[in-house]
Amino acid sequence: QVQLVESGGGLVQPGGSLRLSCAASGSIFSLYDMGWYRQAPGKQRELVATITSAGTTNYVDSVKGRFTISRDNAKNTVYLQMSSLKPEDTAVYYCKATRVIIGRNYWGQGTQVTVSS
């Protein structure tokens, strides 16, 4: 079992930056692939960025060059550094932990990001 708690969301002006954090507990964090997803009102949840247990990263095209995912296994935390934010980045951002070999997925409760002037 893995518990995930996101933080760092808020209101930011277009062009601004935010850093989201997702703190994990309850299992061996370093074994899990981690991801950030987002869901805007009236839209489906979409993948934003992932980082594997080995540190390989992947991004949706719309955030490439603006967002950076990273992890600190010593702190059991994954981060999403978001820069050059746009109004279309407004969404609830969720953290997900995946361990494919045992078929387990865990989600956090989400943190709201609003980009508006």
PDB file of N, CA and C in Angstrom:
ATOM      1  N   GLN A   1       0.836  -1.191   0.000  1.00  0.00           N
ATOM      2  CA  GLN A   1       0.000   0.000   0.000  1.00  0.00           C
ATOM      3  C   GLN A   1       0.872   1.244   0.000  1.00  0.00           C
ATOM      4  N   VAL A   2       0.487   2.214  -0.830  1.00  0.00           N
ATOM      5  CA  VAL A   2       1.212   3.475  -0.928  1.00  0.00           C
ATOM      6  C   VAL A   2       0.235   4.613  -0.711  1.00  0.00           C
ATOM      7  N   GLN A   3       0.618   5.544   0.142  1.00  0.00           N
ATOM      8  CA  GLN A   3      -0.169   6.762   0.328  1.00  0.00           C
ATOM      9  C   GLN A   3       0.578   7.924  -0.325  1.00  0.00           C
ATOM     10  N   LEU A   4      -0.168   8.728  -1.073  1.00  0.00           N
ATOM     11  CA  LEU A   4       0.411   9.849  -1.800  1.00  0.00           C
ATOM     12  C   LEU A   4      -0.288  11.138  -1.405  1.00  0.00           C
ATOM     13  N   VAL A   5       0.497  12.159  -1.107  1.00  0.00           N
ATOM     14  CA  VAL A   5      -0.061  13.459  -0.739  1.00  0.00           C
ATOM     15  C   VAL A   5       0.593  14.542  -1.587  1.00  0.00           C
ATOM     16  N   GLU A   6      -0.241  15.192  -2.420  1.00  0.00           N
ATOM     17  CA  GLU A   6       0.273  16.271  -3.262  1.00  0.00           C
ATOM     18  C   GLU A   6       0.189  17.605  -2.532  1.00  0.00           C
ATOM     19  N   SER A   7       1.066  18.515  -2.914  1.00  0.00           N
ATOM     20  CA  SER A   7       1.034  19.876  -2.385  1.00  0.00           C
ATOM     21  C   SER A   7       1.693  20.804  -3.393  1.00  0.00           C
ATOM     22  N   GLY A   8       1.514  22.112  -3.166  1.00  0.00           N
ATOM     23  CA  GLY A   8       2.183  23.092  -4.005  1.00  0.00           C
ATOM     24  C   GLY A   8       1.302  23.775  -5.034  1.00  0.00           C
ATOM     25  N   GLY A   9       0.054  23.353  -5.134  1.00  0.00           N
ATOM     26  CA  GLY A   9      -0.836  24.003  -6.086  1.00  0.00           C
ATOM     27  C   GLY A   9      -1.224  25.391  -5.626  1.00  0.00           C
ATOM     28  N   GLY A  10      -1.903  26.124  -6.519  1.00  0.00           N
ATOM     29  CA  GLY A  10      -2.346  27.454  -6.163  1.00  0.00           C
ATOM     30  C   GLY A  10      -2.711  28.261  -7.391  1.00  0.00           C
ATOM     31  N   LEU A  11      -2.850  29.552  -7.171  1.00  0.00           N
ATOM     32  CA  LEU A  11      -3.184  30.500  -8.239  1.00  0.00           C
ATOM     33  C   LEU A  11      -1.904  31.201  -8.697  1.00  0.00           C
ATOM     34  N   VAL A  12      -1.700  31.217  -9.998  1.00  0.00           N
ATOM     35  CA  VAL A  12      -0.499  31.855 -10.545  1.00  0.00           C
ATOM     36  C   VAL A  12      -0.879  32.576 -11.830  1.00  0.00           C
ATOM     37  N   GLN A  13      -0.182  33.647 -12.121  1.00  0.00           N
ATOM     38  CA  GLN A  13      -0.446  34.397 -13.349  1.00  0.00           C
ATOM     39  C   GLN A  13       0.182  33.692 -14.556  1.00  0.00           C
ATOM     40  N   PRO A  14      -0.373  33.919 -15.724  1.00  0.00           N
ATOM     41  CA  PRO A  14       0.256  33.355 -16.940  1.00  0.00           C
ATOM     42  C   PRO A  14       1.722  33.763 -17.022  1.00  0.00           C
ATOM     43  N   GLY A  15       2.543  32.784 -17.401  1.00  0.00           N
ATOM     44  CA  GLY A  15       3.979  33.017 -17.454  1.00  0.00           C
ATOM     45  C   GLY A  15       4.698  32.703 -16.158  1.00  0.00           C
ATOM     46  N   GLY A  16       3.952  32.458 -15.116  1.00  0.00           N
ATOM     47  CA  GLY A  16       4.545  32.168 -13.820  1.00  0.00           C
ATOM     48  C   GLY A  16       4.978  30.728 -13.648  1.00  0.00           C
ATOM     49  N   SER A  17       5.433  30.419 -12.437  1.00  0.00           N
ATOM     50  CA  SER A  17       5.951  29.088 -12.131  1.00  0.00           C
ATOM     51  C   SER A  17       5.364  28.563 -10.836  1.00  0.00           C
ATOM     52  N   LEU A  18       5.292  27.244 -10.760  1.00  0.00           N
ATOM     53  CA  LEU A  18       4.905  26.545  -9.541  1.00  0.00           C
ATOM     54  C   LEU A  18       5.687  25.248  -9.473  1.00  0.00           C
ATOM     55  N   ARG A  19       5.916  24.771  -8.260  1.00  0.00           N
ATOM     56  CA  ARG A  19       6.487  23.438  -8.086  1.00  0.00           C
ATOM     57  C   ARG A  19       5.538  22.596  -7.249  1.00  0.00           C
ATOM     58  N   LEU A  20       5.095  21.508  -7.844  1.00  0.00           N
ATOM     59  CA  LEU A  20       4.251  20.559  -7.133  1.00  0.00           C
ATOM     60  C   LEU A  20       5.126  19.480  -6.501  1.00  0.00           C
ATOM     61  N   SER A  21       4.688  19.017  -5.337  1.00  0.00           N
ATOM     62  CA  SER A  21       5.361  17.923  -4.650  1.00  0.00           C
ATOM     63  C   SER A  21       4.364  16.814  -4.373  1.00  0.00           C
ATOM     64  N   CYS A  22       4.857  15.603  -4.379  1.00  0.00           N
ATOM     65  CA  CYS A  22       4.037  14.443  -4.037  1.00  0.00           C
ATOM     66  C   CYS A  22       4.856  13.585  -3.088  1.00  0.00           C
ATOM     67  N   ALA A  23       4.438  13.542  -1.836  1.00  0.00           N
ATOM     68  CA  ALA A  23       5.141  12.768  -0.827  1.00  0.00           C
ATOM     69  C   ALA A  23       4.499  11.392  -0.692  1.00  0.00           C
ATOM     70  N   ALA A  24       5.329  10.372  -0.723  1.00  0.00           N
ATOM     71  CA  ALA A  24       4.841   8.995  -0.669  1.00  0.00           C
ATOM     72  C   ALA A  24       5.228   8.337   0.643  1.00  0.00           C
ATOM     73  N   SER A  25       4.373   7.430   1.093  1.00  0.00           N
ATOM     74  CA  SER A  25       4.687   6.657   2.291  1.00  0.00           C
ATOM     75  C   SER A  25       4.049   5.289   2.171  1.00  0.00           C
ATOM     76  N   GLY A  26       4.562   4.357   2.932  1.00  0.00           N
ATOM     77  CA  GLY A  26       3.926   3.057   3.039  1.00  0.00           C
ATOM     78  C   GLY A  26       4.581   1.940   2.274  1.00  0.00           C
ATOM     79  N   SER A  27       5.512   2.241   1.391  1.00  0.00           N
ATOM     80  CA  SER A  27       6.165   1.177   0.656  1.00  0.00           C
ATOM     81  C   SER A  27       7.533   1.658   0.187  1.00  0.00           C
ATOM     82  N   ILE A  28       8.182   0.877  -0.645  1.00  0.00           N
ATOM     83  CA  ILE A  28       9.520   1.223  -1.091  1.00  0.00           C
ATOM     84  C   ILE A  28       9.398   2.145  -2.301  1.00  0.00           C
ATOM     85  N   PHE A  29       9.480   3.433  -2.054  1.00  0.00           N
ATOM     86  CA  PHE A  29       9.237   4.447  -3.073  1.00  0.00           C
ATOM     87  C   PHE A  29      10.110   4.250  -4.299  1.00  0.00           C
ATOM     88  N   SER A  30      11.364   3.893  -4.098  1.00  0.00           N
ATOM     89  CA  SER A  30      12.312   3.829  -5.217  1.00  0.00           C
ATOM     90  C   SER A  30      11.945   2.763  -6.242  1.00  0.00           C
ATOM     91  N   LEU A  31      11.102   1.815  -5.877  1.00  0.00           N
ATOM     92  CA  LEU A  31      10.721   0.752  -6.798  1.00  0.00           C
ATOM     93  C   LEU A  31       9.585   1.163  -7.736  1.00  0.00           C
ATOM     94  N   TYR A  32       8.955   2.283  -7.438  1.00  0.00           N
ATOM     95  CA  TYR A  32       7.765   2.692  -8.178  1.00  0.00           C
ATOM     96  C   TYR A  32       8.088   3.676  -9.298  1.00  0.00           C
ATOM     97  N   ASP A  33       7.406   3.482 -10.419  1.00  0.00           N
ATOM     98  CA  ASP A  33       7.352   4.508 -11.446  1.00  0.00           C
ATOM     99  C   ASP A  33       6.342   5.546 -10.983  1.00  0.00           C
ATOM    100  N   MET A  34       6.667   6.819 -11.194  1.00  0.00           N
ATOM    101  CA  MET A  34       5.809   7.889 -10.707  1.00  0.00           C
ATOM    102  C   MET A  34       5.322   8.752 -11.872  1.00  0.00           C
ATOM    103  N   GLY A  35       4.130   9.302 -11.705  1.00  0.00           N
ATOM    104  CA  GLY A  35       3.606  10.141 -12.771  1.00  0.00           C
ATOM    105  C   GLY A  35       2.772  11.275 -12.232  1.00  0.00           C
ATOM    106  N   TRP A  36       2.693  12.323 -13.027  1.00  0.00           N
ATOM    107  CA  TRP A  36       1.770  13.430 -12.773  1.00  0.00           C
ATOM    108  C   TRP A  36       0.724  13.432 -13.882  1.00  0.00           C
ATOM    109  N   TYR A  37      -0.524  13.555 -13.478  1.00  0.00           N
ATOM    110  CA  TYR A  37      -1.653  13.640 -14.384  1.00  0.00           C
ATOM    111  C   TYR A  37      -2.442  14.889 -14.035  1.00  0.00           C
ATOM    112  N   ARG A  38      -3.306  15.317 -14.946  1.00  0.00           N
ATOM    113  CA  ARG A  38      -4.155  16.463 -14.639  1.00  0.00           C
ATOM    114  C   ARG A  38      -5.531  16.268 -15.256  1.00  0.00           C
ATOM    115  N   GLN A  39      -6.497  16.915 -14.625  1.00  0.00           N
ATOM    116  CA  GLN A  39      -7.866  16.856 -15.110  1.00  0.00           C
ATOM    117  C   GLN A  39      -8.482  18.236 -15.024  1.00  0.00           C
ATOM    118  N   ALA A  40      -8.809  18.783 -16.188  1.00  0.00           N
ATOM    119  CA  ALA A  40      -9.477  20.077 -16.253  1.00  0.00           C
ATOM    120  C   ALA A  40     -10.988  19.860 -16.210  1.00  0.00           C
ATOM    121  N   PRO A  41     -11.732  20.878 -15.817  1.00  0.00           N
ATOM    122  CA  PRO A  41     -13.201  20.738 -15.749  1.00  0.00           C
ATOM    123  C   PRO A  41     -13.786  20.290 -17.083  1.00  0.00           C
ATOM    124  N   GLY A  42     -14.600  19.255 -17.049  1.00  0.00           N
ATOM    125  CA  GLY A  42     -15.256  18.772 -18.250  1.00  0.00           C
ATOM    126  C   GLY A  42     -14.381  17.958 -19.173  1.00  0.00           C
ATOM    127  N   LYS A  43     -13.153  17.668 -18.745  1.00  0.00           N
ATOM    128  CA  LYS A  43     -12.232  16.913 -19.586  1.00  0.00           C
ATOM    129  C   LYS A  43     -11.771  15.651 -18.885  1.00  0.00           C
ATOM    130  N   GLN A  44     -11.235  14.729 -19.669  1.00  0.00           N
ATOM    131  CA  GLN A  44     -10.696  13.497 -19.098  1.00  0.00           C
ATOM    132  C   GLN A  44      -9.338  13.760 -18.469  1.00  0.00           C
ATOM    133  N   ARG A  45      -9.002  12.906 -17.511  1.00  0.00           N
ATOM    134  CA  ARG A  45      -7.679  12.990 -16.906  1.00  0.00           C
ATOM    135  C   ARG A  45      -6.643  12.633 -17.960  1.00  0.00           C
ATOM    136  N   GLU A  46      -5.555  13.413 -17.987  1.00  0.00           N
ATOM    137  CA  GLU A  46      -4.518  13.162 -18.970  1.00  0.00           C
ATOM    138  C   GLU A  46      -3.151  13.080 -18.312  1.00  0.00           C
ATOM    139  N   LEU A  47      -2.282  12.319 -18.963  1.00  0.00           N
ATOM    140  CA  LEU A  47      -0.907  12.186 -18.511  1.00  0.00           C
ATOM    141  C   LEU A  47      -0.162  13.488 -18.767  1.00  0.00           C
ATOM    142  N   VAL A  48       0.618  13.931 -17.797  1.00  0.00           N
ATOM    143  CA  VAL A  48       1.457  15.114 -17.963  1.00  0.00           C
ATOM    144  C   VAL A  48       2.923  14.706 -18.101  1.00  0.00           C
ATOM    145  N   ALA A  49       3.396  13.918 -17.138  1.00  0.00           N
ATOM    146  CA  ALA A  49       4.809  13.526 -17.138  1.00  0.00           C
ATOM    147  C   ALA A  49       4.978  12.282 -16.283  1.00  0.00           C
ATOM    148  N   THR A  50       5.970  11.479 -16.641  1.00  0.00           N
ATOM    149  CA  THR A  50       6.289  10.299 -15.847  1.00  0.00           C
ATOM    150  C   THR A  50       7.793  10.209 -15.628  1.00  0.00           C
ATOM    151  N   ILE A  51       8.154   9.514 -14.570  1.00  0.00           N
ATOM    152  CA  ILE A  51       9.555   9.214 -14.301  1.00  0.00           C
ATOM    153  C   ILE A  51       9.614   7.792 -13.771  1.00  0.00           C
ATOM    154  N   THR A  52      10.430   6.977 -14.404  1.00  0.00           N
ATOM    155  CA  THR A  52      10.511   5.582 -13.986  1.00  0.00           C
ATOM    156  C   THR A  52      11.375   5.441 -12.736  1.00  0.00           C
ATOM    157  N   SER A  53      11.381   4.232 -12.190  1.00  0.00           N
ATOM    158  CA  SER A  53      12.230   3.966 -11.030  1.00  0.00           C
ATOM    159  C   SER A  53      13.699   4.168 -11.378  1.00  0.00           C
ATOM    160  N   ALA A  54      14.031   4.031 -12.658  1.00  0.00           N
ATOM    161  CA  ALA A  54      15.417   4.220 -13.106  1.00  0.00           C
ATOM    162  C   ALA A  54      15.734   5.669 -13.458  1.00  0.00           C
ATOM    163  N   GLY A  55      14.711   6.530 -13.431  1.00  0.00           N
ATOM    164  CA  GLY A  55      14.932   7.949 -13.685  1.00  0.00           C
ATOM    165  C   GLY A  55      14.644   8.415 -15.094  1.00  0.00           C
ATOM    166  N   THR A  56      14.123   7.543 -15.937  1.00  0.00           N
ATOM    167  CA  THR A  56      13.765   7.945 -17.295  1.00  0.00           C
ATOM    168  C   THR A  56      12.484   8.769 -17.273  1.00  0.00           C
ATOM    169  N   THR A  57      12.498   9.871 -17.984  1.00  0.00           N
ATOM    170  CA  THR A  57      11.352  10.774 -17.977  1.00  0.00           C
ATOM    171  C   THR A  57      10.637  10.805 -19.320  1.00  0.00           C
ATOM    172  N   ASN A  58       9.365  11.185 -19.246  1.00  0.00           N
ATOM    173  CA  ASN A  58       8.550  11.309 -20.447  1.00  0.00           C
ATOM    174  C   ASN A  58       7.524  12.409 -20.204  1.00  0.00           C
ATOM    175  N   TYR A  59       7.201  13.167 -21.275  1.00  0.00           N
ATOM    176  CA  TYR A  59       6.291  14.299 -21.143  1.00  0.00           C
ATOM    177  C   TYR A  59       5.272  14.311 -22.276  1.00  0.00           C
ATOM    178  N   VAL A  60       4.088  14.800 -21.964  1.00  0.00           N
ATOM    179  CA  VAL A  60       3.132  15.080 -23.024  1.00  0.00           C
ATOM    180  C   VAL A  60       3.656  16.274 -23.811  1.00  0.00           C
ATOM    181  N   ASP A  61       3.364  16.302 -25.110  1.00  0.00           N
ATOM    182  CA  ASP A  61       3.947  17.335 -25.973  1.00  0.00           C
ATOM    183  C   ASP A  61       3.633  18.754 -25.494  1.00  0.00           C
ATOM    184  N   SER A  62       2.456  18.954 -24.947  1.00  0.00           N
ATOM    185  CA  SER A  62       2.025  20.305 -24.589  1.00  0.00           C
ATOM    186  C   SER A  62       2.824  20.922 -23.440  1.00  0.00           C
ATOM    187  N   VAL A  63       3.588  20.108 -22.709  1.00  0.00           N
ATOM    188  CA  VAL A  63       4.361  20.652 -21.588  1.00  0.00           C
ATOM    189  C   VAL A  63       5.868  20.527 -21.791  1.00  0.00           C
ATOM    190  N   LYS A  64       6.289  19.913 -22.880  1.00  0.00           N
ATOM    191  CA  LYS A  64       7.723  19.738 -23.131  1.00  0.00           C
ATOM    192  C   LYS A  64       8.405  21.096 -23.184  1.00  0.00           C
ATOM    193  N   GLY A  65       9.530  21.191 -22.491  1.00  0.00           N
ATOM    194  CA  GLY A  65      10.275  22.440 -22.452  1.00  0.00           C
ATOM    195  C   GLY A  65       9.797  23.406 -21.377  1.00  0.00           C
ATOM    196  N   ARG A  66       8.656  23.109 -20.765  1.00  0.00           N
ATOM    197  CA  ARG A  66       8.118  23.991 -19.720  1.00  0.00           C
ATOM    198  C   ARG A  66       8.054  23.300 -18.361  1.00  0.00           C
ATOM    199  N   PHE A  67       7.791  22.004 -18.354  1.00  0.00           N
ATOM    200  CA  PHE A  67       7.654  21.256 -17.100  1.00  0.00           C
ATOM    201  C   PHE A  67       8.827  20.287 -16.951  1.00  0.00           C
ATOM    202  N   THR A  68       9.222  20.048 -15.710  1.00  0.00           N
ATOM    203  CA  THR A  68      10.264  19.077 -15.421  1.00  0.00           C
ATOM    204  C   THR A  68       9.830  18.201 -14.252  1.00  0.00           C
ATOM    205  N   ILE A  69       9.848  16.892 -14.474  1.00  0.00           N
ATOM    206  CA  ILE A  69       9.556  15.953 -13.404  1.00  0.00           C
ATOM    207  C   ILE A  69      10.875  15.441 -12.842  1.00  0.00           C
ATOM    208  N   SER A  70      10.908  15.272 -11.532  1.00  0.00           N
ATOM    209  CA  SER A  70      12.102  14.747 -10.874  1.00  0.00           C
ATOM    210  C   SER A  70      11.676  13.995  -9.620  1.00  0.00           C
ATOM    211  N   ARG A  71      12.608  13.231  -9.076  1.00  0.00           N
ATOM    212  CA  ARG A  71      12.304  12.489  -7.866  1.00  0.00           C
ATOM    213  C   ARG A  71      13.505  12.510  -6.937  1.00  0.00           C
ATOM    214  N   ASP A  72      13.195  12.449  -5.641  1.00  0.00           N
ATOM    215  CA  ASP A  72      14.217  12.349  -4.608  1.00  0.00           C
ATOM    216  C   ASP A  72      13.858  11.115  -3.785  1.00  0.00           C
ATOM    217  N   ASN A  73      14.523  10.017  -4.063  1.00  0.00           N
ATOM    218  CA  ASN A  73      14.190   8.763  -3.382  1.00  0.00           C
ATOM    219  C   ASN A  73      14.509   8.815  -1.891  1.00  0.00           C
ATOM    220  N   ALA A  74      15.469   9.628  -1.513  1.00  0.00           N
ATOM    221  CA  ALA A  74      15.794   9.755  -0.088  1.00  0.00           C
ATOM    222  C   ALA A  74      14.664  10.431   0.684  1.00  0.00           C
ATOM    223  N   LYS A  75      13.897  11.272  -0.018  1.00  0.00           N
ATOM    224  CA  LYS A  75      12.784  11.976   0.622  1.00  0.00           C
ATOM    225  C   LYS A  75      11.435  11.373   0.244  1.00  0.00           C
ATOM    226  N   ASN A  76      11.447  10.290  -0.542  1.00  0.00           N
ATOM    227  CA  ASN A  76      10.195   9.656  -0.984  1.00  0.00           C
ATOM    228  C   ASN A  76       9.261  10.663  -1.639  1.00  0.00           C
ATOM    229  N   THR A  77       9.823  11.502  -2.487  1.00  0.00           N
ATOM    230  CA  THR A  77       9.048  12.592  -3.066  1.00  0.00           C
ATOM    231  C   THR A  77       9.324  12.715  -4.564  1.00  0.00           C
ATOM    232  N   VAL A  78       8.258  12.999  -5.298  1.00  0.00           N
ATOM    233  CA  VAL A  78       8.381  13.326  -6.722  1.00  0.00           C
ATOM    234  C   VAL A  78       7.896  14.759  -6.902  1.00  0.00           C
ATOM    235  N   TYR A  79       8.536  15.463  -7.819  1.00  0.00           N
ATOM    236  CA  TYR A  79       8.251  16.871  -8.031  1.00  0.00           C
ATOM    237  C   TYR A  79       7.819  17.119  -9.478  1.00  0.00           C
ATOM    238  N   LEU A  80       7.077  18.197  -9.650  1.00  0.00           N
ATOM    239  CA  LEU A  80       6.780  18.682 -10.993  1.00  0.00           C
ATOM    240  C   LEU A  80       7.038  20.190 -10.982  1.00  0.00           C
ATOM    241  N   GLN A  81       8.139  20.587 -11.598  1.00  0.00           N
ATOM    242  CA  GLN A  81       8.455  22.001 -11.742  1.00  0.00           C
ATOM    243  C   GLN A  81       7.771  22.508 -13.001  1.00  0.00           C
ATOM    244  N   MET A  82       6.900  23.492 -12.843  1.00  0.00           N
ATOM    245  CA  MET A  82       6.129  24.022 -13.959  1.00  0.00           C
ATOM    246  C   MET A  82       6.506  25.475 -14.192  1.00  0.00           C
ATOM    247  N   SER A  83       6.885  25.787 -15.411  1.00  0.00           N
ATOM    248  CA  SER A  83       7.270  27.143 -15.763  1.00  0.00           C
ATOM    249  C   SER A  83       6.485  27.586 -16.996  1.00  0.00           C
ATOM    250  N   SER A  84       6.535  28.887 -17.260  1.00  0.00           N
ATOM    251  CA  SER A  84       5.815  29.459 -18.412  1.00  0.00           C
ATOM    252  C   SER A  84       4.380  28.956 -18.453  1.00  0.00           C
ATOM    253  N   LEU A  85       3.739  29.022 -17.325  1.00  0.00           N
ATOM    254  CA  LEU A  85       2.387  28.468 -17.221  1.00  0.00           C
ATOM    255  C   LEU A  85       1.387  29.232 -18.073  1.00  0.00           C
ATOM    256  N   LYS A  86       0.436  28.481 -18.599  1.00  0.00           N
ATOM    257  CA  LYS A  86      -0.596  29.029 -19.477  1.00  0.00           C
ATOM    258  C   LYS A  86      -1.967  28.767 -18.861  1.00  0.00           C
ATOM    259  N   PRO A  87      -2.972  29.550 -19.215  1.00  0.00           N
ATOM    260  CA  PRO A  87      -4.321  29.291 -18.688  1.00  0.00           C
ATOM    261  C   PRO A  87      -4.787  27.860 -18.962  1.00  0.00           C
ATOM    262  N   GLU A  88      -4.379  27.278 -20.060  1.00  0.00           N
ATOM    263  CA  GLU A  88      -4.796  25.912 -20.386  1.00  0.00           C
ATOM    264  C   GLU A  88      -4.127  24.860 -19.507  1.00  0.00           C
ATOM    265  N   ASP A  89      -3.177  25.261 -18.673  1.00  0.00           N
ATOM    266  CA  ASP A  89      -2.601  24.343 -17.694  1.00  0.00           C
ATOM    267  C   ASP A  89      -3.474  24.233 -16.445  1.00  0.00           C
ATOM    268  N   THR A  90      -4.504  25.040 -16.361  1.00  0.00           N
ATOM    269  CA  THR A  90      -5.402  24.999 -15.215  1.00  0.00           C
ATOM    270  C   THR A  90      -6.079  23.639 -15.112  1.00  0.00           C
ATOM    271  N   ALA A  91      -5.937  23.010 -13.956  1.00  0.00           N
ATOM    272  CA  ALA A  91      -6.484  21.665 -13.742  1.00  0.00           C
ATOM    273  C   ALA A  91      -6.203  21.234 -12.310  1.00  0.00           C
ATOM    274  N   VAL A  92      -6.811  20.130 -11.930  1.00  0.00           N
ATOM    275  CA  VAL A  92      -6.389  19.433 -10.723  1.00  0.00           C
ATOM    276  C   VAL A  92      -5.276  18.476 -11.126  1.00  0.00           C
ATOM    277  N   TYR A  93      -4.159  18.555 -10.428  1.00  0.00           N
ATOM    278  CA  TYR A  93      -3.002  17.725 -10.745  1.00  0.00           C
ATOM    279  C   TYR A  93      -2.922  16.579  -9.730  1.00  0.00           C
ATOM    280  N   TYR A  94      -2.772  15.375 -10.274  1.00  0.00           N
ATOM    281  CA  TYR A  94      -2.731  14.168  -9.468  1.00  0.00           C
ATOM    282  C   TYR A  94      -1.392  13.456  -9.625  1.00  0.00           C
ATOM    283  N   CYS A  95      -0.968  12.868  -8.543  1.00  0.00           N
ATOM    284  CA  CYS A  95       0.243  12.056  -8.515  1.00  0.00           C
ATOM    285  C   CYS A  95      -0.176  10.581  -8.561  1.00  0.00           C
ATOM    286  N   LYS A  96       0.587   9.782  -9.286  1.00  0.00           N
ATOM    287  CA  LYS A  96       0.295   8.356  -9.397  1.00  0.00           C
ATOM    288  C   LYS A  96       1.570   7.556  -9.206  1.00  0.00           C
ATOM    289  N   ALA A  97       1.448   6.480  -8.456  1.00  0.00           N
ATOM    290  CA  ALA A  97       2.552   5.539  -8.257  1.00  0.00           C
ATOM    291  C   ALA A  97       2.174   4.210  -8.902  1.00  0.00           C
ATOM    292  N   THR A  98       3.073   3.668  -9.671  1.00  0.00           N
ATOM    293  CA  THR A  98       2.818   2.423 -10.400  1.00  0.00           C
ATOM    294  C   THR A  98       3.954   1.445 -10.188  1.00  0.00           C
ATOM    295  N   ARG A  99       3.569   0.216  -9.918  1.00  0.00           N
ATOM    296  CA  ARG A  99       4.567  -0.859  -9.919  1.00  0.00           C
ATOM    297  C   ARG A  99       4.009  -1.975 -10.782  1.00  0.00           C
ATOM    298  N   VAL A 100       4.463  -1.993 -12.009  1.00  0.00           N
ATOM    299  CA  VAL A 100       3.891  -2.874 -13.023  1.00  0.00           C
ATOM    300  C   VAL A 100       4.014  -4.343 -12.633  1.00  0.00           C
ATOM    301  N   ILE A 101       5.140  -4.725 -12.048  1.00  0.00           N
ATOM    302  CA  ILE A 101       5.415  -6.131 -11.793  1.00  0.00           C
ATOM    303  C   ILE A 101       4.399  -6.756 -10.835  1.00  0.00           C
ATOM    304  N   ILE A 102       3.799  -5.940  -9.981  1.00  0.00           N
ATOM    305  CA  ILE A 102       2.779  -6.454  -9.062  1.00  0.00           C
ATOM    306  C   ILE A 102       1.398  -5.928  -9.428  1.00  0.00           C
ATOM    307  N   GLY A 103       1.303  -5.183 -10.530  1.00  0.00           N
ATOM    308  CA  GLY A 103       0.014  -4.703 -11.006  1.00  0.00           C
ATOM    309  C   GLY A 103      -0.690  -3.733 -10.094  1.00  0.00           C
ATOM    310  N   ARG A 104       0.061  -2.847  -9.462  1.00  0.00           N
ATOM    311  CA  ARG A 104      -0.534  -1.916  -8.515  1.00  0.00           C
ATOM    312  C   ARG A 104      -0.392  -0.475  -8.977  1.00  0.00           C
ATOM    313  N   ASN A 105      -1.482   0.285  -8.784  1.00  0.00           N
ATOM    314  CA  ASN A 105      -1.497   1.725  -9.040  1.00  0.00           C
ATOM    315  C   ASN A 105      -2.094   2.421  -7.833  1.00  0.00           C
ATOM    316  N   TYR A 106      -1.529   3.551  -7.473  1.00  0.00           N
ATOM    317  CA  TYR A 106      -2.037   4.348  -6.361  1.00  0.00           C
ATOM    318  C   TYR A 106      -2.103   5.804  -6.793  1.00  0.00           C
ATOM    319  N   TRP A 107      -3.150   6.497  -6.317  1.00  0.00           N
ATOM    320  CA  TRP A 107      -3.365   7.898  -6.682  1.00  0.00           C
ATOM    321  C   TRP A 107      -3.396   8.768  -5.428  1.00  0.00           C
ATOM    322  N   GLY A 108      -2.935   9.988  -5.596  1.00  0.00           N
ATOM    323  CA  GLY A 108      -3.108  10.990  -4.561  1.00  0.00           C
ATOM    324  C   GLY A 108      -4.460  11.661  -4.695  1.00  0.00           C
ATOM    325  N   GLN A 109      -4.721  12.618  -3.816  1.00  0.00           N
ATOM    326  CA  GLN A 109      -6.034  13.264  -3.781  1.00  0.00           C
ATOM    327  C   GLN A 109      -6.132  14.461  -4.721  1.00  0.00           C
ATOM    328  N   GLY A 110      -5.002  14.912  -5.228  1.00  0.00           N
ATOM    329  CA  GLY A 110      -4.983  16.008  -6.189  1.00  0.00           C
ATOM    330  C   GLY A 110      -4.717  17.358  -5.553  1.00  0.00           C
ATOM    331  N   THR A 111      -4.174  18.262  -6.362  1.00  0.00           N
ATOM    332  CA  THR A 111      -3.944  19.642  -5.937  1.00  0.00           C
ATOM    333  C   THR A 111      -4.323  20.562  -7.094  1.00  0.00           C
ATOM    334  N   GLN A 112      -5.041  21.625  -6.770  1.00  0.00           N
ATOM    335  CA  GLN A 112      -5.564  22.520  -7.807  1.00  0.00           C
ATOM    336  C   GLN A 112      -4.493  23.502  -8.256  1.00  0.00           C
ATOM    337  N   VAL A 113      -4.351  23.620  -9.565  1.00  0.00           N
ATOM    338  CA  VAL A 113      -3.501  24.643 -10.172  1.00  0.00           C
ATOM    339  C   VAL A 113      -4.382  25.518 -11.048  1.00  0.00           C
ATOM    340  N   THR A 114      -4.378  26.815 -10.781  1.00  0.00           N
ATOM    341  CA  THR A 114      -5.163  27.767 -11.561  1.00  0.00           C
ATOM    342  C   THR A 114      -4.227  28.824 -12.128  1.00  0.00           C
ATOM    343  N   VAL A 115      -4.248  28.966 -13.442  1.00  0.00           N
ATOM    344  CA  VAL A 115      -3.420  29.952 -14.123  1.00  0.00           C
ATOM    345  C   VAL A 115      -4.347  31.023 -14.689  1.00  0.00           C
ATOM    346  N   SER A 116      -4.276  32.191 -14.084  1.00  0.00           N
ATOM    347  CA  SER A 116      -5.207  33.256 -14.463  1.00  0.00           C
ATOM    348  C   SER A 116      -4.638  34.599 -14.062  1.00  0.00           C
ATOM    349  N   SER A 117      -4.974  35.609 -14.843  1.00  0.00           N
ATOM    350  CA  SER A 117      -4.564  36.969 -14.493  1.00  0.00           C
ATOM    351  C   SER A 117      -5.674  37.667 -13.707  1.00  0.00           C
TER     352      SER A 117
END
